[in-house]
C-alpha atoms as a PDB file:
ATOM      1  CA  MET A   1      31.686  31.381 -59.556  1.00  0.00           C
ATOM      2  CA  ARG A   2      31.141  32.719 -56.083  1.00  0.00           C
ATOM      3  CA  ALA A   3      33.519  35.331 -54.824  1.00  0.00           C
ATOM      4  CA  ALA A   4      35.586  34.393 -51.830  1.00  0.00           C
ATOM      5  CA  ALA A   5      34.549  36.058 -48.613  1.00  0.00           C
ATOM      6  CA  VAL A   6      36.861  38.878 -47.699  1.00  0.00           C
ATOM      7  CA  PRO A   7      37.782  38.801 -44.027  1.00  0.00           C
ATOM      8  CA  SER A   8      36.754  41.877 -42.129  1.00  0.00           C
ATOM      9  CA  THR A   9      39.607  44.206 -41.272  1.00  0.00           C
ATOM     10  CA  ARG A  10      37.463  46.137 -38.828  1.00  0.00           C
ATOM     11  CA  PRO A  11      39.185  46.135 -35.406  1.00  0.00           C
ATOM     12  CA  ARG A  12      37.310  44.523 -32.526  1.00  0.00           C
ATOM     13  CA  ALA A  13      35.967  46.834 -29.915  1.00  0.00           C
ATOM     14  CA  ARG A  14      37.936  46.537 -26.709  1.00  0.00           C
ATOM     15  CA  LEU A  15      36.135  46.213 -23.417  1.00  0.00           C
ATOM     16  CA  SER A  16      36.696  49.002 -21.004  1.00  0.00           C
ATOM     17  CA  PRO A  17      38.290  48.146 -17.642  1.00  0.00           C
ATOM     18  CA  ALA A  18      34.944  48.762 -15.931  1.00  0.00           C
ATOM     19  CA  ARG A  19      33.124  46.263 -18.171  1.00  0.00           C
ATOM     20  CA  ARG A  20      35.886  43.706 -17.730  1.00  0.00           C
ATOM     21  CA  LEU A  21      35.563  44.052 -13.976  1.00  0.00           C
ATOM     22  CA  LYS A  22      31.801  43.595 -14.201  1.00  0.00           C
ATOM     23  CA  ASN A  23      32.236  40.442 -16.314  1.00  0.00           C
ATOM     24  CA  LEU A  24      34.697  39.008 -13.819  1.00  0.00           C
ATOM     25  CA  LEU A  25      32.391  39.791 -10.897  1.00  0.00           C
ATOM     26  CA  MET A  26      29.354  38.234 -12.582  1.00  0.00           C
ATOM     27  CA  GLY A  27      31.370  35.143 -13.523  1.00  0.00           C
ATOM     28  CA  ALA A  28      32.563  34.814  -9.928  1.00  0.00           C
ATOM     29  CA  LEU A  29      29.001  35.204  -8.589  1.00  0.00           C
ATOM     30  CA  ILE A  30      27.683  32.553 -10.982  1.00  0.00           C
ATOM     31  CA  LEU A  31      30.465  30.162  -9.939  1.00  0.00           C
ATOM     32  CA  LEU A  32      29.753  30.856  -6.261  1.00  0.00           C
ATOM     33  CA  ALA A  33      26.025  30.215  -6.762  1.00  0.00           C
ATOM     34  CA  THR A  34      26.807  26.930  -8.513  1.00  0.00           C
ATOM     35  CA  LEU A  35      29.074  25.845  -5.669  1.00  0.00           C
ATOM     36  CA  LEU A  36      26.418  26.759  -3.090  1.00  0.00           C
ATOM     37  CA  VAL A  37      23.918  24.529  -4.921  1.00  0.00           C
ATOM     38  CA  VAL A  38      26.263  21.567  -5.439  1.00  0.00           C
ATOM     39  CA  ALA A  39      28.304  21.727  -2.238  1.00  0.00           C
ATOM     40  CA  PRO A  40      25.608  20.475   0.200  1.00  0.00           C
ATOM     41  CA  LEU A  41      24.931  17.403  -1.944  1.00  0.00           C
ATOM     42  CA  ILE A  42      28.647  16.652  -2.247  1.00  0.00           C
ATOM     43  CA  LEU A  43      29.182  17.095   1.503  1.00  0.00           C
ATOM     44  CA  ILE A  44      26.243  14.794   2.325  1.00  0.00           C
ATOM     45  CA  PHE A  45      27.443  12.136  -0.098  1.00  0.00           C
ATOM     46  CA  VAL A  46      31.066  12.294   1.133  1.00  0.00           C
ATOM     47  CA  TYR A  47      29.953  12.076   4.772  1.00  0.00           C
ATOM     48  CA  LEU A  48      27.735   9.062   4.103  1.00  0.00           C
ATOM     49  CA  LEU A  49      30.478   7.363   2.098  1.00  0.00           C
ATOM     50  CA  ARG A  50      32.924   7.824   4.972  1.00  0.00           C
ATOM     51  CA  GLU A  51      30.520   6.741   7.709  1.00  0.00           C
ATOM     52  CA  GLY A  52      28.307   4.157   6.018  1.00  0.00           C
ATOM     53  CA  LEU A  53      30.239   2.495   3.205  1.00  0.00           C
ATOM     54  CA  GLY A  54      31.837  -0.001   5.581  1.00  0.00           C
ATOM     55  CA  ALA A  55      28.426  -1.364   6.579  1.00  0.00           C
ATOM     56  CA  LEU A  56      27.339  -2.071   2.983  1.00  0.00           C
ATOM     57  CA  ASN A  57      28.272  -5.756   3.001  1.00  0.00           C
ATOM     58  CA  LEU A  58      26.432  -8.968   2.185  1.00  0.00           C
ATOM     59  CA  ASP A  59      24.783  -9.080   5.613  1.00  0.00           C
ATOM     60  CA  PHE A  60      23.320  -5.619   5.049  1.00  0.00           C
ATOM     61  CA  PHE A  61      21.321  -6.866   2.052  1.00  0.00           C
ATOM     62  CA  THR A  62      20.484 -10.382   3.269  1.00  0.00           C
ATOM     63  CA  ARG A  63      19.775 -10.107   7.013  1.00  0.00           C
ATOM     64  CA  THR A  64      17.248  -8.342   9.192  1.00  0.00           C
ATOM     65  CA  PRO A  65      18.314  -6.030  12.056  1.00  0.00           C
ATOM     66  CA  ALA A  66      20.025  -7.653  15.022  1.00  0.00           C
ATOM     67  CA  PRO A  67      18.582  -7.187  18.528  1.00  0.00           C
ATOM     68  CA  GLU A  68      19.005  -3.707  19.946  1.00  0.00           C
ATOM     69  CA  GLY A  69      22.633  -2.882  20.618  1.00  0.00           C
ATOM     70  CA  GLU A  70      24.095  -6.103  19.173  1.00  0.00           C
ATOM     71  CA  ALA A  71      26.580  -6.099  16.308  1.00  0.00           C
ATOM     72  CA  GLY A  72      25.734  -7.438  12.869  1.00  0.00           C
ATOM     73  CA  GLY A  73      22.437  -7.605  11.074  1.00  0.00           C
ATOM     74  CA  GLY A  74      21.204  -5.737   8.045  1.00  0.00           C
ATOM     75  CA  LEU A  75      18.244  -3.918   6.565  1.00  0.00           C
ATOM     76  CA  LEU A  76      16.666  -6.582   4.360  1.00  0.00           C
ATOM     77  CA  ASN A  77      13.284  -5.866   5.946  1.00  0.00           C
ATOM     78  CA  ALA A  78      13.560  -2.161   5.113  1.00  0.00           C
ATOM     79  CA  ILE A  79      14.718  -2.749   1.528  1.00  0.00           C
ATOM     80  CA  THR A  80      11.901  -5.175   0.718  1.00  0.00           C
ATOM     81  CA  GLY A  81       9.360  -2.990   2.519  1.00  0.00           C
ATOM     82  CA  SER A  82      10.379   0.108   0.577  1.00  0.00           C
ATOM     83  CA  LEU A  83      10.145  -1.759  -2.737  1.00  0.00           C
ATOM     84  CA  GLU A  84       6.707  -3.143  -1.868  1.00  0.00           C
ATOM     85  CA  MET A  85       5.249   0.188  -0.772  1.00  0.00           C
ATOM     86  CA  LEU A  86       6.739   2.071  -3.726  1.00  0.00           C
ATOM     87  CA  ALA A  87       5.245  -0.521  -6.091  1.00  0.00           C
ATOM     88  CA  MET A  88       1.797  -0.121  -4.519  1.00  0.00           C
ATOM     89  CA  ALA A  89       2.142   3.661  -4.429  1.00  0.00           C
ATOM     90  CA  SER A  90       3.032   3.655  -8.129  1.00  0.00           C
ATOM     91  CA  VAL A  91      -0.260   1.997  -8.986  1.00  0.00           C
ATOM     92  CA  ILE A  92      -2.167   4.803  -7.240  1.00  0.00           C
ATOM     93  CA  GLY A  93       0.059   7.624  -8.424  1.00  0.00           C
ATOM     94  CA  VAL A  94       0.229   6.482 -12.044  1.00  0.00           C
ATOM     95  CA  LEU A  95      -3.454   5.661 -12.521  1.00  0.00           C
ATOM     96  CA  VAL A  96      -4.827   8.791 -10.873  1.00  0.00           C
ATOM     97  CA  GLY A  97      -1.985  11.086 -11.972  1.00  0.00           C
ATOM     98  CA  VAL A  98      -2.037  10.112 -15.645  1.00  0.00           C
ATOM     99  CA  ALA A  99      -5.831  10.309 -15.739  1.00  0.00           C
ATOM    100  CA  GLY A 100      -5.719  13.784 -14.190  1.00  0.00           C
ATOM    101  CA  GLY A 101      -3.023  14.924 -16.592  1.00  0.00           C
ATOM    102  CA  ILE A 102      -5.028  13.666 -19.584  1.00  0.00           C
ATOM    103  CA  PHE A 103      -8.108  15.513 -18.376  1.00  0.00           C
ATOM    104  CA  LEU A 104      -6.248  18.812 -17.911  1.00  0.00           C
ATOM    105  CA  ALA A 105      -4.428  18.585 -21.253  1.00  0.00           C
ATOM    106  CA  GLU A 106      -7.159  17.185 -23.480  1.00  0.00           C
ATOM    107  CA  TYR A 107     -10.272  18.834 -22.034  1.00  0.00           C
ATOM    108  CA  PRO A 108      -9.172  22.399 -21.189  1.00  0.00           C
ATOM    109  CA  ARG A 109     -12.681  23.820 -21.676  1.00  0.00           C
ATOM    110  CA  HIS A 110     -14.467  21.352 -19.418  1.00  0.00           C
ATOM    111  CA  PRO A 111     -16.340  23.044 -16.536  1.00  0.00           C
ATOM    112  CA  LEU A 112     -14.503  20.883 -13.983  1.00  0.00           C
ATOM    113  CA  MET A 113     -11.025  21.727 -15.300  1.00  0.00           C
ATOM    114  CA  PRO A 114     -10.388  24.690 -12.932  1.00  0.00           C
ATOM    115  CA  THR A 115     -11.481  22.600  -9.955  1.00  0.00           C
ATOM    116  CA  VAL A 116      -9.240  19.672 -10.882  1.00  0.00           C
ATOM    117  CA  ARG A 117      -6.264  21.998 -11.409  1.00  0.00           C
ATOM    118  CA  MET A 118      -6.860  23.698  -8.070  1.00  0.00           C
ATOM    119  CA  LEU A 119      -7.082  20.348  -6.251  1.00  0.00           C
ATOM    120  CA  SER A 120      -3.876  19.191  -7.917  1.00  0.00           C
ATOM    121  CA  ASP A 121      -2.053  22.371  -6.901  1.00  0.00           C
ATOM    122  CA  VAL A 122      -3.332  22.111  -3.317  1.00  0.00           C
ATOM    123  CA  LEU A 123      -2.303  18.448  -3.134  1.00  0.00           C
ATOM    124  CA  ALA A 124       1.189  19.383  -4.324  1.00  0.00           C
ATOM    125  CA  GLY A 125       1.540  21.823  -1.427  1.00  0.00           C
ATOM    126  CA  ILE A 126       0.414  19.482   1.354  1.00  0.00           C
ATOM    127  CA  PRO A 127       3.349  18.493   3.622  1.00  0.00           C
ATOM    128  CA  ALA A 128       4.166  14.799   3.763  1.00  0.00           C
ATOM    129  CA  ILE A 129       3.538  14.621   7.511  1.00  0.00           C
ATOM    130  CA  VAL A 130       0.013  15.993   7.025  1.00  0.00           C
ATOM    131  CA  MET A 131      -0.650  13.304   4.420  1.00  0.00           C
ATOM    132  CA  GLY A 132       0.500  10.751   6.974  1.00  0.00           C
ATOM    133  CA  LEU A 133      -1.847  12.161   9.604  1.00  0.00           C
ATOM    134  CA  VAL A 134      -4.768  11.984   7.176  1.00  0.00           C
ATOM    135  CA  ALA A 135      -3.967   8.364   6.329  1.00  0.00           C
ATOM    136  CA  TYR A 136      -3.644   7.633  10.047  1.00  0.00           C
ATOM    137  CA  GLY A 137      -7.085   9.060  10.797  1.00  0.00           C
ATOM    138  CA  LEU A 138      -8.861   7.476   7.840  1.00  0.00           C
ATOM    139  CA  ILE A 139      -7.150   4.074   7.661  1.00  0.00           C
ATOM    140  CA  VAL A 140      -4.921   3.234  10.620  1.00  0.00           C
ATOM    141  CA  LEU A 141      -7.463   4.021  13.343  1.00  0.00           C
ATOM    142  CA  LYS A 142      -9.964   1.657  11.679  1.00  0.00           C
ATOM    143  CA  PHE A 143      -7.756  -1.108  10.248  1.00  0.00           C
ATOM    144  CA  GLY A 144      -4.428  -0.765  12.057  1.00  0.00           C
ATOM    145  CA  PHE A 145      -0.896  -0.038  10.871  1.00  0.00           C
ATOM    146  CA  SER A 146      -0.084  -1.538   7.490  1.00  0.00           C
ATOM    147  CA  GLY A 147       2.114  -1.243   4.447  1.00  0.00           C
ATOM    148  CA  LEU A 148      -0.985  -0.516   2.396  1.00  0.00           C
ATOM    149  CA  ALA A 149      -1.727   2.597   4.471  1.00  0.00           C
ATOM    150  CA  GLY A 150       1.842   3.789   3.900  1.00  0.00           C
ATOM    151  CA  ALA A 151       1.550   3.108   0.183  1.00  0.00           C
ATOM    152  CA  LEU A 152      -1.673   5.129  -0.012  1.00  0.00           C
ATOM    153  CA  ALA A 153       0.005   8.101   1.660  1.00  0.00           C
ATOM    154  CA  LEU A 154       2.996   7.895  -0.701  1.00  0.00           C
ATOM    155  CA  GLY A 155       0.715   7.396  -3.700  1.00  0.00           C
ATOM    156  CA  PHE A 156      -1.195  10.582  -2.976  1.00  0.00           C
ATOM    157  CA  LEU A 157       2.114  12.438  -2.686  1.00  0.00           C
ATOM    158  CA  MET A 158       3.007  11.158  -6.164  1.00  0.00           C
ATOM    159  CA  ILE A 159      -0.255  12.223  -7.817  1.00  0.00           C
ATOM    160  CA  PRO A 160       0.400  15.972  -8.317  1.00  0.00           C
ATOM    161  CA  ILE A 161       3.877  15.337  -9.750  1.00  0.00           C
ATOM    162  CA  VAL A 162       2.541  12.823 -12.268  1.00  0.00           C
ATOM    163  CA  VAL A 163      -0.432  15.071 -13.098  1.00  0.00           C
ATOM    164  CA  ARG A 164       1.754  18.079 -13.883  1.00  0.00           C
ATOM    165  CA  THR A 165       4.292  16.063 -15.888  1.00  0.00           C
ATOM    166  CA  THR A 166       1.609  14.250 -17.899  1.00  0.00           C
ATOM    167  CA  GLU A 167      -0.205  17.488 -18.690  1.00  0.00           C
ATOM    168  CA  GLU A 168       2.925  19.264 -19.899  1.00  0.00           C
ATOM    169  CA  VAL A 169       4.100  16.310 -21.994  1.00  0.00           C
ATOM    170  CA  LEU A 170       0.714  15.832 -23.650  1.00  0.00           C
ATOM    171  CA  LYS A 171       0.657  19.501 -24.602  1.00  0.00           C
ATOM    172  CA  LEU A 172       3.870  18.929 -26.565  1.00  0.00           C
ATOM    173  CA  VAL A 173       2.182  16.385 -28.846  1.00  0.00           C
ATOM    174  CA  PRO A 174       1.340  18.251 -32.098  1.00  0.00           C
ATOM    175  CA  LEU A 175      -2.307  19.074 -32.713  1.00  0.00           C
ATOM    176  CA  SER A 176      -1.963  17.583 -36.199  1.00  0.00           C
ATOM    177  CA  VAL A 177      -1.521  14.133 -34.622  1.00  0.00           C
ATOM    178  CA  ARG A 178      -4.893  14.423 -32.904  1.00  0.00           C
ATOM    179  CA  GLU A 179      -6.559  15.832 -36.018  1.00  0.00           C
ATOM    180  CA  ALA A 180      -5.210  12.969 -38.130  1.00  0.00           C
ATOM    181  CA  GLY A 181      -6.805  10.421 -35.803  1.00  0.00           C
ATOM    182  CA  LEU A 182     -10.114  12.272 -35.621  1.00  0.00           C
ATOM    183  CA  SER A 183     -10.204  12.634 -39.407  1.00  0.00           C
ATOM    184  CA  LEU A 184     -10.179   8.833 -39.676  1.00  0.00           C
ATOM    185  CA  GLY A 185     -13.399   8.725 -37.676  1.00  0.00           C
ATOM    186  CA  LEU A 186     -11.813   7.504 -34.435  1.00  0.00           C
ATOM    187  CA  PRO A 187     -13.524   8.500 -31.184  1.00  0.00           C
ATOM    188  CA  ARG A 188     -11.747  11.062 -29.032  1.00  0.00           C
ATOM    189  CA  TRP A 189     -10.894   8.556 -26.306  1.00  0.00           C
ATOM    190  CA  VAL A 190      -9.373   6.141 -28.846  1.00  0.00           C
ATOM    191  CA  VAL A 191      -7.195   8.937 -30.254  1.00  0.00           C
ATOM    192  CA  ILE A 192      -5.990   9.783 -26.746  1.00  0.00           C
ATOM    193  CA  LEU A 193      -5.255   6.192 -25.691  1.00  0.00           C
ATOM    194  CA  ARG A 194      -3.885   4.808 -28.974  1.00  0.00           C
ATOM    195  CA  ILE A 195      -2.134   7.836 -30.486  1.00  0.00           C
ATOM    196  CA  VAL A 196      -1.509  10.682 -28.045  1.00  0.00           C
ATOM    197  CA  LEU A 197      -0.451   8.665 -24.988  1.00  0.00           C
ATOM    198  CA  PRO A 198       2.082   6.471 -26.859  1.00  0.00           C
ATOM    199  CA  ALA A 199       3.594   9.616 -28.360  1.00  0.00           C
ATOM    200  CA  ALA A 200       4.081  11.065 -24.871  1.00  0.00           C
ATOM    201  CA  ALA A 201       5.031   7.803 -23.121  1.00  0.00           C
ATOM    202  CA  GLY A 202       8.674   8.764 -22.595  1.00  0.00           C
ATOM    203  CA  GLY A 203       7.816  11.982 -20.783  1.00  0.00           C
ATOM    204  CA  ILE A 204       5.198  10.256 -18.632  1.00  0.00           C
ATOM    205  CA  VAL A 205       7.697   7.565 -17.603  1.00  0.00           C
ATOM    206  CA  THR A 206      10.134  10.320 -16.682  1.00  0.00           C
ATOM    207  CA  GLY A 207       7.502  11.976 -14.481  1.00  0.00           C
ATOM    208  CA  VAL A 208       6.721   8.700 -12.718  1.00  0.00           C
ATOM    209  CA  MET A 209      10.402   8.060 -12.022  1.00  0.00           C
ATOM    210  CA  LEU A 210      10.870  11.561 -10.630  1.00  0.00           C
ATOM    211  CA  ALA A 211       7.785  11.103  -8.452  1.00  0.00           C
ATOM    212  CA  LEU A 212       9.196   7.827  -7.116  1.00  0.00           C
ATOM    213  CA  ALA A 213      12.496   9.534  -6.350  1.00  0.00           C
ATOM    214  CA  ARG A 214      10.544  12.257  -4.533  1.00  0.00           C
ATOM    215  CA  VAL A 215       8.578   9.945  -2.211  1.00  0.00           C
ATOM    216  CA  ALA A 216      11.208   7.224  -1.716  1.00  0.00           C
ATOM    217  CA  GLY A 217      12.875   9.202   1.071  1.00  0.00           C
ATOM    218  CA  GLU A 218       9.744  10.208   2.963  1.00  0.00           C
ATOM    219  CA  ALA A 219       9.733   9.009   6.572  1.00  0.00           C
ATOM    220  CA  ALA A 220       7.053  11.229   8.144  1.00  0.00           C
ATOM    221  CA  PRO A 221       3.964   9.639   6.524  1.00  0.00           C
ATOM    222  CA  LEU A 222       5.294   6.124   7.175  1.00  0.00           C
ATOM    223  CA  LEU A 223       5.693   6.791  10.895  1.00  0.00           C
ATOM    224  CA  PHE A 224       1.922   7.217  11.108  1.00  0.00           C
ATOM    225  CA  THR A 225       0.965   4.426   8.713  1.00  0.00           C
ATOM    226  CA  ALA A 226       3.429   1.576   8.066  1.00  0.00           C
ATOM    227  CA  PHE A 227       4.951   1.889  11.569  1.00  0.00           C
ATOM    228  CA  GLY A 228       7.797  -0.563  10.883  1.00  0.00           C
ATOM    229  CA  ASN A 229       8.533  -4.268  11.250  1.00  0.00           C
ATOM    230  CA  SER A 230      11.683  -6.030  12.436  1.00  0.00           C
ATOM    231  CA  GLY A 231      11.101  -8.879   9.987  1.00  0.00           C
ATOM    232  CA  VAL A 232      10.500  -9.230   6.265  1.00  0.00           C
ATOM    233  CA  ASN A 233       6.786  -8.875   5.573  1.00  0.00           C
ATOM    234  CA  PHE A 234       4.991  -9.493   2.278  1.00  0.00           C
ATOM    235  CA  ASP A 235       1.487  -8.973   3.664  1.00  0.00           C
ATOM    236  CA  PRO A 236       0.416  -5.379   2.838  1.00  0.00           C
ATOM    237  CA  THR A 237      -2.225  -5.444   5.571  1.00  0.00           C
ATOM    238  CA  LYS A 238       0.440  -5.800   8.296  1.00  0.00           C
ATOM    239  CA  PRO A 239       3.020  -3.303   9.586  1.00  0.00           C
ATOM    240  CA  MET A 240       5.948  -2.948   7.200  1.00  0.00           C
ATOM    241  CA  SER A 241       9.403  -1.458   7.458  1.00  0.00           C
ATOM    242  CA  ALA A 242      11.073   0.938   4.999  1.00  0.00           C
ATOM    243  CA  LEU A 243      14.485   2.515   4.544  1.00  0.00           C
ATOM    244  CA  PRO A 244      13.432   5.992   5.750  1.00  0.00           C
ATOM    245  CA  LEU A 245      11.953   4.465   8.907  1.00  0.00           C
ATOM    246  CA  GLU A 246      15.082   2.480   9.722  1.00  0.00           C
ATOM    247  CA  ILE A 247      17.276   5.492   9.001  1.00  0.00           C
ATOM    248  CA  TYR A 248      15.235   7.645  11.380  1.00  0.00           C
ATOM    249  CA  ARG A 249      15.198   5.073  14.164  1.00  0.00           C
ATOM    250  CA  GLY A 250      18.853   4.178  13.773  1.00  0.00           C
ATOM    251  CA  ALA A 251      19.955   7.800  13.708  1.00  0.00           C
ATOM    252  CA  THR A 252      18.077   8.525  16.955  1.00  0.00           C
ATOM    253  CA  SER A 253      19.339   5.353  18.661  1.00  0.00           C
ATOM    254  CA  ALA A 254      21.897   5.435  21.461  1.00  0.00           C
ATOM    255  CA  TYR A 255      23.758   2.422  20.028  1.00  0.00           C
ATOM    256  CA  ASP A 256      26.651   2.875  17.599  1.00  0.00           C
ATOM    257  CA  GLU A 257      25.720  -0.235  15.607  1.00  0.00           C
ATOM    258  CA  ASN A 258      22.231   1.098  14.896  1.00  0.00           C
ATOM    259  CA  GLN A 259      23.651   4.448  13.843  1.00  0.00           C
ATOM    260  CA  ARG A 260      26.112   2.685  11.537  1.00  0.00           C
ATOM    261  CA  LEU A 261      23.291   0.800   9.813  1.00  0.00           C
ATOM    262  CA  ALA A 262      21.284   4.012   9.547  1.00  0.00           C
ATOM    263  CA  LYS A 263      24.138   5.774   7.751  1.00  0.00           C
ATOM    264  CA  ALA A 264      24.574   2.825   5.403  1.00  0.00           C
ATOM    265  CA  GLY A 265      20.833   2.892   4.706  1.00  0.00           C
ATOM    266  CA  ALA A 266      20.998   6.621   4.026  1.00  0.00           C
ATOM    267  CA  LEU A 267      23.881   6.070   1.595  1.00  0.00           C
ATOM    268  CA  LEU A 268      21.887   3.381  -0.235  1.00  0.00           C
ATOM    269  CA  LEU A 269      18.768   5.554  -0.348  1.00  0.00           C
ATOM    270  CA  ILE A 270      20.473   8.697  -1.646  1.00  0.00           C
ATOM    271  CA  THR A 271      22.320   6.614  -4.263  1.00  0.00           C
ATOM    272  CA  LEU A 272      19.057   5.059  -5.474  1.00  0.00           C
ATOM    273  CA  ILE A 273      17.390   8.468  -5.668  1.00  0.00           C
ATOM    274  CA  PHE A 274      20.350   9.908  -7.572  1.00  0.00           C
ATOM    275  CA  VAL A 275      20.421   7.000 -10.046  1.00  0.00           C
ATOM    276  CA  THR A 276      16.642   7.200 -10.552  1.00  0.00           C
ATOM    277  CA  SER A 277      16.853  10.902 -11.318  1.00  0.00           C
ATOM    278  CA  LEU A 278      19.668  10.326 -13.821  1.00  0.00           C
ATOM    279  CA  LEU A 279      17.730   7.529 -15.533  1.00  0.00           C
ATOM    280  CA  ALA A 280      14.628   9.715 -15.716  1.00  0.00           C
ATOM    281  CA  ARG A 281      16.535  12.491 -17.449  1.00  0.00           C
ATOM    282  CA  ARG A 282      18.167  10.026 -19.830  1.00  0.00           C
ATOM    283  CA  VAL A 283      14.785   8.544 -20.786  1.00  0.00           C
ATOM    284  CA  SER A 284      13.431  12.050 -21.327  1.00  0.00           C
ATOM    285  CA  ARG A 285      16.328  12.998 -23.618  1.00  0.00           C
ATOM    286  CA  ARG A 286      16.023   9.828 -25.676  1.00  0.00           C
ATOM    287  CA  LYS A 287      12.325  10.433 -26.300  1.00  0.00           C
END
């Protein structure tokens, strides 16, 4: 029979006044730092709710912008354009990004690995406006403004995020999983595609969602590529509108109605980005 544990009668050491003061100061500094991080987001969201919530009605989602300065209208053209370009950008970002992440994680001793990593790091540091200028020089000057050019610029902005996420997630897959597949006589590429990738699918999906949230609010590259369109356009070879473009143009307009729509568009955009980020973290936790 086990003896019952005897509670310790040793008195707890009391903190000196100086240490208590230090603890209080550090706690206050941590709280202040937290508020400084959260406060700007809260202020932005509250401002957009106050200024733009009234414009989020049925017309906002079902109508295109009214003529300059007239009341009414919506941002249907921008919503559909953003969805189209993000879908096309995802194809580029996912295919190239996942392939790059697989190469960096699964072939660390390949002679080209340092070069690929350096290119990925450089691409991650390129400003969005520079990417737009590159797309303008390579595509727009030859073929004209188009949604496809905007999607290419956004897709290349997604690539380094997807590459880094895919690489880190694949490294978390146990080596024993790979060895089990190879021991069955499966080729290396079959092990990667049929065993390793499915095991890391949740993390890769999270990276793609975070990359989409990152590029969804970019206006600079679209100014040089998609240019904008006052109507709904489903042809990717023609100019196409997007929420960031309409927000920029409405915010710089002299008409109150355009500014009201811009604030409503900004509220919709920041809400979508926030929800996407939350979903990405939830998917990551589940996996």
